[in-house]
Amino acid sequence: YRFSNFLLAEKATELDVEIVWTQKGSEGRPLKETFTFTA
């Protein structure tokens, strides 16, 4: 997945990238992971 150009406010000190997905064997229950980039 590529997002070639996004804006991030200068006053921000954290960027969270949250991924929510389902996979076989998880009975349709979503899984989630968050990646946090900090100042």
PDB file of all heavy atoms in Angstrom:
ATOM      1  N   TYR A   1       0.877  -1.173   0.000  1.00  0.00           N
ATOM      2  CA  TYR A   1       0.000   0.000   0.000  1.00  0.00           C
ATOM      3  C   TYR A   1       0.909   1.217   0.000  1.00  0.00           C
ATOM      4  O   TYR A   1       1.797   1.339   0.845  1.00  0.00           O
ATOM      5  CB  TYR A   1      -0.880  -0.020   1.258  1.00  0.00           C
ATOM      6  CG  TYR A   1      -1.641   1.253   1.514  1.00  0.00           C
ATOM      7  CD1 TYR A   1      -2.813   1.533   0.826  1.00  0.00           C
ATOM      8  CD2 TYR A   1      -1.192   2.173   2.458  1.00  0.00           C
ATOM      9  CE1 TYR A   1      -3.517   2.698   1.077  1.00  0.00           C
ATOM     10  CE2 TYR A   1      -1.892   3.340   2.706  1.00  0.00           C
ATOM     11  CZ  TYR A   1      -3.056   3.593   2.016  1.00  0.00           C
ATOM     12  OH  TYR A   1      -3.749   4.741   2.263  1.00  0.00           O
ATOM     13  N   ARG A   2       0.710   2.118  -0.955  1.00  0.00           N
ATOM     14  CA  ARG A   2       1.535   3.329  -1.026  1.00  0.00           C
ATOM     15  C   ARG A   2       0.655   4.560  -0.980  1.00  0.00           C
ATOM     16  O   ARG A   2      -0.337   4.653  -1.696  1.00  0.00           O
ATOM     17  CB  ARG A   2       2.347   3.337  -2.320  1.00  0.00           C
ATOM     18  CG  ARG A   2       3.484   2.372  -2.307  1.00  0.00           C
ATOM     19  CD  ARG A   2       4.497   2.663  -3.416  1.00  0.00           C
ATOM     20  NE  ARG A   2       5.632   1.779  -3.288  1.00  0.00           N
ATOM     21  CZ  ARG A   2       5.791   0.677  -4.014  1.00  0.00           C
ATOM     22  NH1 ARG A   2       4.899   0.344  -4.908  1.00  0.00           N
ATOM     23  NH2 ARG A   2       6.847  -0.081  -3.826  1.00  0.00           N
ATOM     24  N   PHE A   3       1.064   5.476  -0.128  1.00  0.00           N
ATOM     25  CA  PHE A   3       0.413   6.780  -0.035  1.00  0.00           C
ATOM     26  C   PHE A   3       1.533   7.762  -0.339  1.00  0.00           C
ATOM     27  O   PHE A   3       2.391   8.018   0.498  1.00  0.00           O
ATOM     28  CB  PHE A   3      -0.142   6.973   1.378  1.00  0.00           C
ATOM     29  CG  PHE A   3      -1.240   7.974   1.473  1.00  0.00           C
ATOM     30  CD1 PHE A   3      -2.552   7.566   1.648  1.00  0.00           C
ATOM     31  CD2 PHE A   3      -0.976   9.321   1.388  1.00  0.00           C
ATOM     32  CE1 PHE A   3      -3.572   8.484   1.747  1.00  0.00           C
ATOM     33  CE2 PHE A   3      -1.978  10.255   1.484  1.00  0.00           C
ATOM     34  CZ  PHE A   3      -3.281   9.822   1.661  1.00  0.00           C
ATOM     35  N   SER A   4       1.568   8.285  -1.550  1.00  0.00           N
ATOM     36  CA  SER A   4       2.744   9.006  -2.034  1.00  0.00           C
ATOM     37  C   SER A   4       2.947  10.397  -1.452  1.00  0.00           C
ATOM     38  O   SER A   4       4.057  10.921  -1.484  1.00  0.00           O
ATOM     39  CB  SER A   4       2.709   9.099  -3.556  1.00  0.00           C
ATOM     40  OG  SER A   4       1.573   9.827  -3.973  1.00  0.00           O
ATOM     41  N   ASN A   5       1.883  11.003  -0.909  1.00  0.00           N
ATOM     42  CA  ASN A   5       2.023  12.376  -0.448  1.00  0.00           C
ATOM     43  C   ASN A   5       0.911  12.674   0.552  1.00  0.00           C
ATOM     44  O   ASN A   5      -0.256  12.724   0.183  1.00  0.00           O
ATOM     45  CB  ASN A   5       1.928  13.319  -1.656  1.00  0.00           C
ATOM     46  CG  ASN A   5       2.207  14.756  -1.321  1.00  0.00           C
ATOM     47  OD1 ASN A   5       1.441  15.385  -0.604  1.00  0.00           O
ATOM     48  ND2 ASN A   5       3.278  15.294  -1.860  1.00  0.00           N
ATOM     49  N   PHE A   6       1.275  12.840   1.833  1.00  0.00           N
ATOM     50  CA  PHE A   6       0.274  13.230   2.830  1.00  0.00           C
ATOM     51  C   PHE A   6       0.823  14.365   3.681  1.00  0.00           C
ATOM     52  O   PHE A   6       2.027  14.540   3.805  1.00  0.00           O
ATOM     53  CB  PHE A   6      -0.173  12.047   3.693  1.00  0.00           C
ATOM     54  CG  PHE A   6       0.859  11.505   4.637  1.00  0.00           C
ATOM     55  CD1 PHE A   6       0.998  12.013   5.917  1.00  0.00           C
ATOM     56  CD2 PHE A   6       1.685  10.461   4.254  1.00  0.00           C
ATOM     57  CE1 PHE A   6       1.949  11.516   6.790  1.00  0.00           C
ATOM     58  CE2 PHE A   6       2.636   9.943   5.120  1.00  0.00           C
ATOM     59  CZ  PHE A   6       2.772  10.473   6.393  1.00  0.00           C
ATOM     60  N   LEU A   7      -0.097  15.142   4.234  1.00  0.00           N
ATOM     61  CA  LEU A   7       0.258  16.295   5.063  1.00  0.00           C
ATOM     62  C   LEU A   7       0.273  15.891   6.529  1.00  0.00           C
ATOM     63  O   LEU A   7      -0.586  15.144   6.980  1.00  0.00           O
ATOM     64  CB  LEU A   7      -0.774  17.413   4.892  1.00  0.00           C
ATOM     65  CG  LEU A   7      -1.045  17.904   3.470  1.00  0.00           C
ATOM     66  CD1 LEU A   7      -2.174  18.921   3.481  1.00  0.00           C
ATOM     67  CD2 LEU A   7       0.200  18.502   2.880  1.00  0.00           C
ATOM     68  N   LEU A   8       1.248  16.413   7.259  1.00  0.00           N
ATOM     69  CA  LEU A   8       1.324  16.195   8.694  1.00  0.00           C
ATOM     70  C   LEU A   8       1.585  17.541   9.352  1.00  0.00           C
ATOM     71  O   LEU A   8       2.605  18.183   9.063  1.00  0.00           O
ATOM     72  CB  LEU A   8       2.441  15.206   9.037  1.00  0.00           C
ATOM     73  CG  LEU A   8       2.587  14.846  10.510  1.00  0.00           C
ATOM     74  CD1 LEU A   8       1.328  14.163  11.036  1.00  0.00           C
ATOM     75  CD2 LEU A   8       3.792  13.952  10.716  1.00  0.00           C
ATOM     76  N   ALA A   9       0.659  17.975  10.199  1.00  0.00           N
ATOM     77  CA  ALA A   9       0.781  19.273  10.862  1.00  0.00           C
ATOM     78  C   ALA A   9       2.111  19.377  11.587  1.00  0.00           C
ATOM     79  O   ALA A   9       2.571  18.420  12.222  1.00  0.00           O
ATOM     80  CB  ALA A   9      -0.364  19.477  11.854  1.00  0.00           C
ATOM     81  N   GLU A  10       2.726  20.539  11.493  1.00  0.00           N
ATOM     82  CA  GLU A  10       4.016  20.766  12.127  1.00  0.00           C
ATOM     83  C   GLU A  10       3.938  20.657  13.644  1.00  0.00           C
ATOM     84  O   GLU A  10       4.904  20.278  14.292  1.00  0.00           O
ATOM     85  CB  GLU A  10       4.562  22.141  11.713  1.00  0.00           C
ATOM     86  CG  GLU A  10       6.052  22.149  11.549  1.00  0.00           C
ATOM     87  CD  GLU A  10       6.578  23.432  10.965  1.00  0.00           C
ATOM     88  OE1 GLU A  10       6.668  24.433  11.707  1.00  0.00           O
ATOM     89  OE2 GLU A  10       6.899  23.432   9.767  1.00  0.00           O
ATOM     90  N   LYS A  11       2.775  20.958  14.216  1.00  0.00           N
ATOM     91  CA  LYS A  11       2.628  20.906  15.672  1.00  0.00           C
ATOM     92  C   LYS A  11       2.473  19.476  16.205  1.00  0.00           C
ATOM     93  O   LYS A  11       2.539  19.249  17.399  1.00  0.00           O
ATOM     94  CB  LYS A  11       1.456  21.765  16.127  1.00  0.00           C
ATOM     95  CG  LYS A  11       0.105  21.318  15.575  1.00  0.00           C
ATOM     96  CD  LYS A  11      -0.977  22.307  15.954  1.00  0.00           C
ATOM     97  CE  LYS A  11      -2.275  21.986  15.234  1.00  0.00           C
ATOM     98  NZ  LYS A  11      -3.292  22.963  15.520  1.00  0.00           N
ATOM     99  N   ALA A  12       2.290  18.514  15.325  1.00  0.00           N
ATOM    100  CA  ALA A  12       2.143  17.120  15.747  1.00  0.00           C
ATOM    101  C   ALA A  12       3.469  16.576  16.265  1.00  0.00           C
ATOM    102  O   ALA A  12       4.527  16.902  15.745  1.00  0.00           O
ATOM    103  CB  ALA A  12       1.658  16.265  14.586  1.00  0.00           C
ATOM    104  N   THR A  13       3.393  15.741  17.307  1.00  0.00           N
ATOM    105  CA  THR A  13       4.590  15.096  17.840  1.00  0.00           C
ATOM    106  C   THR A  13       4.520  13.584  17.695  1.00  0.00           C
ATOM    107  O   THR A  13       5.464  12.889  18.056  1.00  0.00           O
ATOM    108  CB  THR A  13       4.804  15.458  19.326  1.00  0.00           C
ATOM    109  OG1 THR A  13       3.654  15.056  20.068  1.00  0.00           O
ATOM    110  CG2 THR A  13       5.055  16.948  19.496  1.00  0.00           C
ATOM    111  N   GLU A  14       3.392  13.078  17.194  1.00  0.00           N
ATOM    112  CA  GLU A  14       3.230  11.641  16.966  1.00  0.00           C
ATOM    113  C   GLU A  14       2.461  11.384  15.680  1.00  0.00           C
ATOM    114  O   GLU A  14       1.538  12.121  15.351  1.00  0.00           O
ATOM    115  CB  GLU A  14       2.443  10.973  18.099  1.00  0.00           C
ATOM    116  CG  GLU A  14       3.156  10.871  19.388  1.00  0.00           C
ATOM    117  CD  GLU A  14       2.330  10.154  20.453  1.00  0.00           C
ATOM    118  OE1 GLU A  14       1.167   9.794  20.200  1.00  0.00           O
ATOM    119  OE2 GLU A  14       2.868   9.969  21.546  1.00  0.00           O
ATOM    120  N   LEU A  15       2.833  10.326  14.999  1.00  0.00           N
ATOM    121  CA  LEU A  15       2.104   9.826  13.840  1.00  0.00           C
ATOM    122  C   LEU A  15       1.797   8.363  14.123  1.00  0.00           C
ATOM    123  O   LEU A  15       2.714   7.569  14.360  1.00  0.00           O
ATOM    124  CB  LEU A  15       2.935   9.945  12.560  1.00  0.00           C
ATOM    125  CG  LEU A  15       2.400   9.203  11.338  1.00  0.00           C
ATOM    126  CD1 LEU A  15       1.064   9.789  10.884  1.00  0.00           C
ATOM    127  CD2 LEU A  15       3.408   9.226  10.203  1.00  0.00           C
ATOM    128  N   ASP A  16       0.516   8.013  14.158  1.00  0.00           N
ATOM    129  CA  ASP A  16       0.104   6.625  14.351  1.00  0.00           C
ATOM    130  C   ASP A  16      -0.370   6.071  13.019  1.00  0.00           C
ATOM    131  O   ASP A  16      -1.211   6.685  12.348  1.00  0.00           O
ATOM    132  CB  ASP A  16      -1.058   6.517  15.342  1.00  0.00           C
ATOM    133  CG  ASP A  16      -0.646   6.777  16.780  1.00  0.00           C
ATOM    134  OD1 ASP A  16       0.559   6.763  17.063  1.00  0.00           O
ATOM    135  OD2 ASP A  16      -1.544   6.986  17.619  1.00  0.00           O
ATOM    136  N   VAL A  17       0.159   4.914  12.652  1.00  0.00           N
ATOM    137  CA  VAL A  17      -0.316   4.186  11.486  1.00  0.00           C
ATOM    138  C   VAL A  17      -0.976   2.933  12.037  1.00  0.00           C
ATOM    139  O   VAL A  17      -0.323   2.098  12.657  1.00  0.00           O
ATOM    140  CB  VAL A  17       0.825   3.824  10.517  1.00  0.00           C
ATOM    141  CG1 VAL A  17       0.297   3.021   9.346  1.00  0.00           C
ATOM    142  CG2 VAL A  17       1.543   5.085  10.040  1.00  0.00           C
ATOM    143  N   GLU A  18      -2.284   2.839  11.838  1.00  0.00           N
ATOM    144  CA  GLU A  18      -3.064   1.737  12.388  1.00  0.00           C
ATOM    145  C   GLU A  18      -3.499   0.838  11.238  1.00  0.00           C
ATOM    146  O   GLU A  18      -4.038   1.316  10.234  1.00  0.00           O
ATOM    147  CB  GLU A  18      -4.276   2.310  13.124  1.00  0.00           C
ATOM    148  CG  GLU A  18      -5.140   1.277  13.785  1.00  0.00           C
ATOM    149  CD  GLU A  18      -6.301   1.917  14.524  1.00  0.00           C
ATOM    150  OE1 GLU A  18      -6.092   2.349  15.668  1.00  0.00           O
ATOM    151  OE2 GLU A  18      -7.388   2.000  13.936  1.00  0.00           O
ATOM    152  N   ILE A  19      -3.249  -0.448  11.384  1.00  0.00           N
ATOM    153  CA  ILE A  19      -3.638  -1.415  10.370  1.00  0.00           C
ATOM    154  C   ILE A  19      -4.628  -2.374  11.012  1.00  0.00           C
ATOM    155  O   ILE A  19      -4.349  -2.965  12.064  1.00  0.00           O
ATOM    156  CB  ILE A  19      -2.414  -2.185   9.831  1.00  0.00           C
ATOM    157  CG1 ILE A  19      -1.362  -1.199   9.326  1.00  0.00           C
ATOM    158  CG2 ILE A  19      -2.834  -3.146   8.718  1.00  0.00           C
ATOM    159  CD1 ILE A  19      -0.010  -1.794   9.079  1.00  0.00           C
ATOM    160  N   VAL A  20      -5.797  -2.513  10.382  1.00  0.00           N
ATOM    161  CA  VAL A  20      -6.834  -3.423  10.852  1.00  0.00           C
ATOM    162  C   VAL A  20      -7.044  -4.445   9.743  1.00  0.00           C
ATOM    163  O   VAL A  20      -7.253  -4.071   8.589  1.00  0.00           O
ATOM    164  CB  VAL A  20      -8.153  -2.668  11.160  1.00  0.00           C
ATOM    165  CG1 VAL A  20      -9.231  -3.633  11.620  1.00  0.00           C
ATOM    166  CG2 VAL A  20      -7.921  -1.578  12.196  1.00  0.00           C
ATOM    167  N   TRP A  21      -6.984  -5.728  10.091  1.00  0.00           N
ATOM    168  CA  TRP A  21      -7.113  -6.751   9.067  1.00  0.00           C
ATOM    169  C   TRP A  21      -7.796  -7.991   9.613  1.00  0.00           C
ATOM    170  O   TRP A  21      -7.954  -8.152  10.814  1.00  0.00           O
ATOM    171  CB  TRP A  21      -5.744  -7.108   8.499  1.00  0.00           C
ATOM    172  CG  TRP A  21      -4.865  -7.967   9.348  1.00  0.00           C
ATOM    173  CD1 TRP A  21      -4.689  -9.324   9.239  1.00  0.00           C
ATOM    174  CD2 TRP A  21      -4.032  -7.574  10.447  1.00  0.00           C
ATOM    175  NE1 TRP A  21      -3.802  -9.779  10.183  1.00  0.00           N
ATOM    176  CE2 TRP A  21      -3.382  -8.726  10.940  1.00  0.00           C
ATOM    177  CE3 TRP A  21      -3.767  -6.351  11.066  1.00  0.00           C
ATOM    178  CZ2 TRP A  21      -2.499  -8.690  12.017  1.00  0.00           C
ATOM    179  CZ3 TRP A  21      -2.891  -6.319  12.129  1.00  0.00           C
ATOM    180  CH2 TRP A  21      -2.273  -7.466  12.594  1.00  0.00           C
ATOM    181  N   THR A  22      -8.229  -8.849   8.693  1.00  0.00           N
ATOM    182  CA  THR A  22      -8.747 -10.167   9.045  1.00  0.00           C
ATOM    183  C   THR A  22      -7.919 -11.194   8.286  1.00  0.00           C
ATOM    184  O   THR A  22      -7.356 -10.895   7.235  1.00  0.00           O
ATOM    185  CB  THR A  22     -10.236 -10.331   8.681  1.00  0.00           C
ATOM    186  OG1 THR A  22     -10.393 -10.115   7.280  1.00  0.00           O
ATOM    187  CG2 THR A  22     -11.117  -9.391   9.463  1.00  0.00           C
ATOM    188  N   GLN A  23      -7.847 -12.385   8.842  1.00  0.00           N
ATOM    189  CA  GLN A  23      -7.132 -13.460   8.162  1.00  0.00           C
ATOM    190  C   GLN A  23      -7.858 -14.771   8.416  1.00  0.00           C
ATOM    191  O   GLN A  23      -8.708 -14.853   9.300  1.00  0.00           O
ATOM    192  CB  GLN A  23      -5.677 -13.534   8.607  1.00  0.00           C
ATOM    193  CG  GLN A  23      -5.462 -13.856  10.064  1.00  0.00           C
ATOM    194  CD  GLN A  23      -3.993 -13.727  10.445  1.00  0.00           C
ATOM    195  OE1 GLN A  23      -3.264 -12.918   9.899  1.00  0.00           O
ATOM    196  NE2 GLN A  23      -3.560 -14.539  11.387  1.00  0.00           N
ATOM    197  N   LYS A  24      -7.533 -15.769   7.626  1.00  0.00           N
ATOM    198  CA  LYS A  24      -8.146 -17.083   7.789  1.00  0.00           C
ATOM    199  C   LYS A  24      -7.893 -17.575   9.209  1.00  0.00           C
ATOM    200  O   LYS A  24      -6.818 -17.391   9.762  1.00  0.00           O
ATOM    201  CB  LYS A  24      -7.559 -18.079   6.786  1.00  0.00           C
ATOM    202  CG  LYS A  24      -7.976 -17.806   5.368  1.00  0.00           C
ATOM    203  CD  LYS A  24      -7.369 -18.825   4.433  1.00  0.00           C
ATOM    204  CE  LYS A  24      -7.734 -18.456   3.005  1.00  0.00           C
ATOM    205  NZ  LYS A  24      -7.072 -19.312   2.028  1.00  0.00           N
ATOM    206  N   GLY A  25      -8.907 -18.207   9.770  1.00  0.00           N
ATOM    207  CA  GLY A  25      -8.756 -18.771  11.112  1.00  0.00           C
ATOM    208  C   GLY A  25      -9.056 -17.793  12.234  1.00  0.00           C
ATOM    209  O   GLY A  25      -9.022 -18.170  13.388  1.00  0.00           O
ATOM    210  N   SER A  26      -9.352 -16.531  11.905  1.00  0.00           N
ATOM    211  CA  SER A  26      -9.658 -15.574  12.977  1.00  0.00           C
ATOM    212  C   SER A  26     -11.164 -15.391  13.139  1.00  0.00           C
ATOM    213  O   SER A  26     -11.608 -14.470  13.811  1.00  0.00           O
ATOM    214  CB  SER A  26      -8.988 -14.223  12.715  1.00  0.00           C
ATOM    215  OG  SER A  26      -9.565 -13.596  11.590  1.00  0.00           O
ATOM    216  N   GLU A  27     -11.956 -16.285  12.509  1.00  0.00           N
ATOM    217  CA  GLU A  27     -13.428 -16.260  12.586  1.00  0.00           C
ATOM    218  C   GLU A  27     -14.007 -14.890  12.279  1.00  0.00           C
ATOM    219  O   GLU A  27     -14.982 -14.454  12.876  1.00  0.00           O
ATOM    220  CB  GLU A  27     -13.902 -16.725  13.977  1.00  0.00           C
ATOM    221  CG  GLU A  27     -13.614 -18.175  14.265  1.00  0.00           C
ATOM    222  CD  GLU A  27     -12.687 -18.339  15.455  1.00  0.00           C
ATOM    223  OE1 GLU A  27     -12.654 -17.461  16.323  1.00  0.00           O
ATOM    224  OE2 GLU A  27     -11.989 -19.355  15.494  1.00  0.00           O
ATOM    225  N   GLY A  28     -13.380 -14.183  11.348  1.00  0.00           N
ATOM    226  CA  GLY A  28     -13.885 -12.876  10.940  1.00  0.00           C
ATOM    227  C   GLY A  28     -13.599 -11.760  11.938  1.00  0.00           C
ATOM    228  O   GLY A  28     -14.006 -10.631  11.726  1.00  0.00           O
ATOM    229  N   ARG A  29     -12.938 -12.091  13.027  1.00  0.00           N
ATOM    230  CA  ARG A  29     -12.619 -11.071  14.029  1.00  0.00           C
ATOM    231  C   ARG A  29     -11.448 -10.247  13.539  1.00  0.00           C
ATOM    232  O   ARG A  29     -10.412 -10.773  13.156  1.00  0.00           O
ATOM    233  CB  ARG A  29     -12.282 -11.723  15.368  1.00  0.00           C
ATOM    234  CG  ARG A  29     -13.491 -12.375  15.999  1.00  0.00           C
ATOM    235  CD  ARG A  29     -13.145 -13.160  17.214  1.00  0.00           C
ATOM    236  NE  ARG A  29     -12.573 -12.297  18.243  1.00  0.00           N
ATOM    237  CZ  ARG A  29     -12.101 -12.750  19.379  1.00  0.00           C
ATOM    238  NH1 ARG A  29     -12.106 -14.026  19.642  1.00  0.00           N
ATOM    239  NH2 ARG A  29     -11.614 -11.918  20.262  1.00  0.00           N
ATOM    240  N   PRO A  30     -11.581  -8.923  13.563  1.00  0.00           N
ATOM    241  CA  PRO A  30     -10.484  -8.066  13.103  1.00  0.00           C
ATOM    242  C   PRO A  30      -9.286  -8.115  14.054  1.00  0.00           C
ATOM    243  O   PRO A  30      -9.432  -8.249  15.262  1.00  0.00           O
ATOM    244  CB  PRO A  30     -11.095  -6.665  13.105  1.00  0.00           C
ATOM    245  CG  PRO A  30     -12.554  -6.838  13.262  1.00  0.00           C
ATOM    246  CD  PRO A  30     -12.776  -8.163  13.889  1.00  0.00           C
ATOM    247  N   LEU A  31      -8.122  -7.997  13.470  1.00  0.00           N
ATOM    248  CA  LEU A  31      -6.872  -7.866  14.206  1.00  0.00           C
ATOM    249  C   LEU A  31      -6.369  -6.449  13.973  1.00  0.00           C
ATOM    250  O   LEU A  31      -6.667  -5.848  12.940  1.00  0.00           O
ATOM    251  CB  LEU A  31      -5.859  -8.887  13.689  1.00  0.00           C
ATOM    252  CG  LEU A  31      -6.314 -10.352  13.724  1.00  0.00           C
ATOM    253  CD1 LEU A  31      -5.393 -11.218  12.901  1.00  0.00           C
ATOM    254  CD2 LEU A  31      -6.371 -10.842  15.161  1.00  0.00           C
ATOM    255  N   LYS A  32      -5.593  -5.917  14.905  1.00  0.00           N
ATOM    256  CA  LYS A  32      -5.138  -4.527  14.769  1.00  0.00           C
ATOM    257  C   LYS A  32      -3.718  -4.395  15.293  1.00  0.00           C
ATOM    258  O   LYS A  32      -3.364  -4.983  16.303  1.00  0.00           O
ATOM    259  CB  LYS A  32      -6.057  -3.600  15.558  1.00  0.00           C
ATOM    260  CG  LYS A  32      -5.647  -2.143  15.511  1.00  0.00           C
ATOM    261  CD  LYS A  32      -6.571  -1.285  16.326  1.00  0.00           C
ATOM    262  CE  LYS A  32      -5.866  -0.883  17.588  1.00  0.00           C
ATOM    263  NZ  LYS A  32      -6.470   0.175  18.337  1.00  0.00           N
ATOM    264  N   GLU A  33      -2.939  -3.601  14.568  1.00  0.00           N
ATOM    265  CA  GLU A  33      -1.599  -3.239  15.016  1.00  0.00           C
ATOM    266  C   GLU A  33      -1.422  -1.756  14.778  1.00  0.00           C
ATOM    267  O   GLU A  33      -1.872  -1.226  13.763  1.00  0.00           O
ATOM    268  CB  GLU A  33      -0.534  -4.010  14.235  1.00  0.00           C
ATOM    269  CG  GLU A  33       0.295  -4.906  15.120  1.00  0.00           C
ATOM    270  CD  GLU A  33       1.374  -5.629  14.375  1.00  0.00           C
ATOM    271  OE1 GLU A  33       1.076  -6.498  13.562  1.00  0.00           O
ATOM    272  OE2 GLU A  33       2.554  -5.296  14.648  1.00  0.00           O
ATOM    273  N   THR A  34      -0.755  -1.078  15.712  1.00  0.00           N
ATOM    274  CA  THR A  34      -0.493   0.349  15.571  1.00  0.00           C
ATOM    275  C   THR A  34       1.011   0.590  15.641  1.00  0.00           C
ATOM    276  O   THR A  34       1.684   0.086  16.541  1.00  0.00           O
ATOM    277  CB  THR A  34      -1.193   1.146  16.696  1.00  0.00           C
ATOM    278  OG1 THR A  34      -2.597   0.869  16.644  1.00  0.00           O
ATOM    279  CG2 THR A  34      -0.975   2.641  16.531  1.00  0.00           C
ATOM    280  N   PHE A  35       1.506   1.350  14.681  1.00  0.00           N
ATOM    281  CA  PHE A  35       2.916   1.736  14.637  1.00  0.00           C
ATOM    282  C   PHE A  35       2.969   3.236  14.934  1.00  0.00           C
ATOM    283  O   PHE A  35       2.318   4.019  14.252  1.00  0.00           O
ATOM    284  CB  PHE A  35       3.509   1.448  13.254  1.00  0.00           C
ATOM    285  CG  PHE A  35       3.481  -0.025  12.919  1.00  0.00           C
ATOM    286  CD1 PHE A  35       2.355  -0.594  12.370  1.00  0.00           C
ATOM    287  CD2 PHE A  35       4.580  -0.816  13.179  1.00  0.00           C
ATOM    288  CE1 PHE A  35       2.310  -1.948  12.078  1.00  0.00           C
ATOM    289  CE2 PHE A  35       4.563  -2.165  12.874  1.00  0.00           C
ATOM    290  CZ  PHE A  35       3.421  -2.738  12.321  1.00  0.00           C
ATOM    291  N   THR A  36       3.720   3.610  15.963  1.00  0.00           N
ATOM    292  CA  THR A  36       3.777   5.006  16.389  1.00  0.00           C
ATOM    293  C   THR A  36       5.169   5.577  16.112  1.00  0.00           C
ATOM    294  O   THR A  36       6.164   5.044  16.593  1.00  0.00           O
ATOM    295  CB  THR A  36       3.429   5.140  17.882  1.00  0.00           C
ATOM    296  OG1 THR A  36       2.138   4.598  18.094  1.00  0.00           O
ATOM    297  CG2 THR A  36       3.447   6.595  18.322  1.00  0.00           C
ATOM    298  N   PHE A  37       5.185   6.654  15.345  1.00  0.00           N
ATOM    299  CA  PHE A  37       6.411   7.396  15.069  1.00  0.00           C
ATOM    300  C   PHE A  37       6.338   8.659  15.910  1.00  0.00           C
ATOM    301  O   PHE A  37       5.340   9.377  15.844  1.00  0.00           O
ATOM    302  CB  PHE A  37       6.508   7.725  13.580  1.00  0.00           C
ATOM    303  CG  PHE A  37       6.579   6.511  12.691  1.00  0.00           C
ATOM    304  CD1 PHE A  37       5.433   5.890  12.247  1.00  0.00           C
ATOM    305  CD2 PHE A  37       7.810   5.984  12.341  1.00  0.00           C
ATOM    306  CE1 PHE A  37       5.502   4.763  11.434  1.00  0.00           C
ATOM    307  CE2 PHE A  37       7.897   4.857  11.523  1.00  0.00           C
ATOM    308  CZ  PHE A  37       6.739   4.247  11.076  1.00  0.00           C
ATOM    309  N   THR A  38       7.380   8.922  16.711  1.00  0.00           N
ATOM    310  CA  THR A  38       7.340  10.063  17.630  1.00  0.00           C
ATOM    311  C   THR A  38       8.463  11.050  17.340  1.00  0.00           C
ATOM    312  O   THR A  38       9.430  10.719  16.663  1.00  0.00           O
ATOM    313  CB  THR A  38       7.472   9.601  19.095  1.00  0.00           C
ATOM    314  OG1 THR A  38       8.677   8.864  19.238  1.00  0.00           O
ATOM    315  CG2 THR A  38       6.303   8.747  19.507  1.00  0.00           C
ATOM    316  N   ALA A  39       8.311  12.242  17.910  1.00  0.00           N
ATOM    317  CA  ALA A  39       9.316  13.291  17.755  1.00  0.00           C
ATOM    318  C   ALA A  39      10.617  12.840  18.394  1.00  0.00           C
ATOM    319  O   ALA A  39      10.621  12.185  19.425  1.00  0.00           O
ATOM    320  CB  ALA A  39       8.842  14.595  18.387  1.00  0.00           C
TER     321      ALA A  39
END
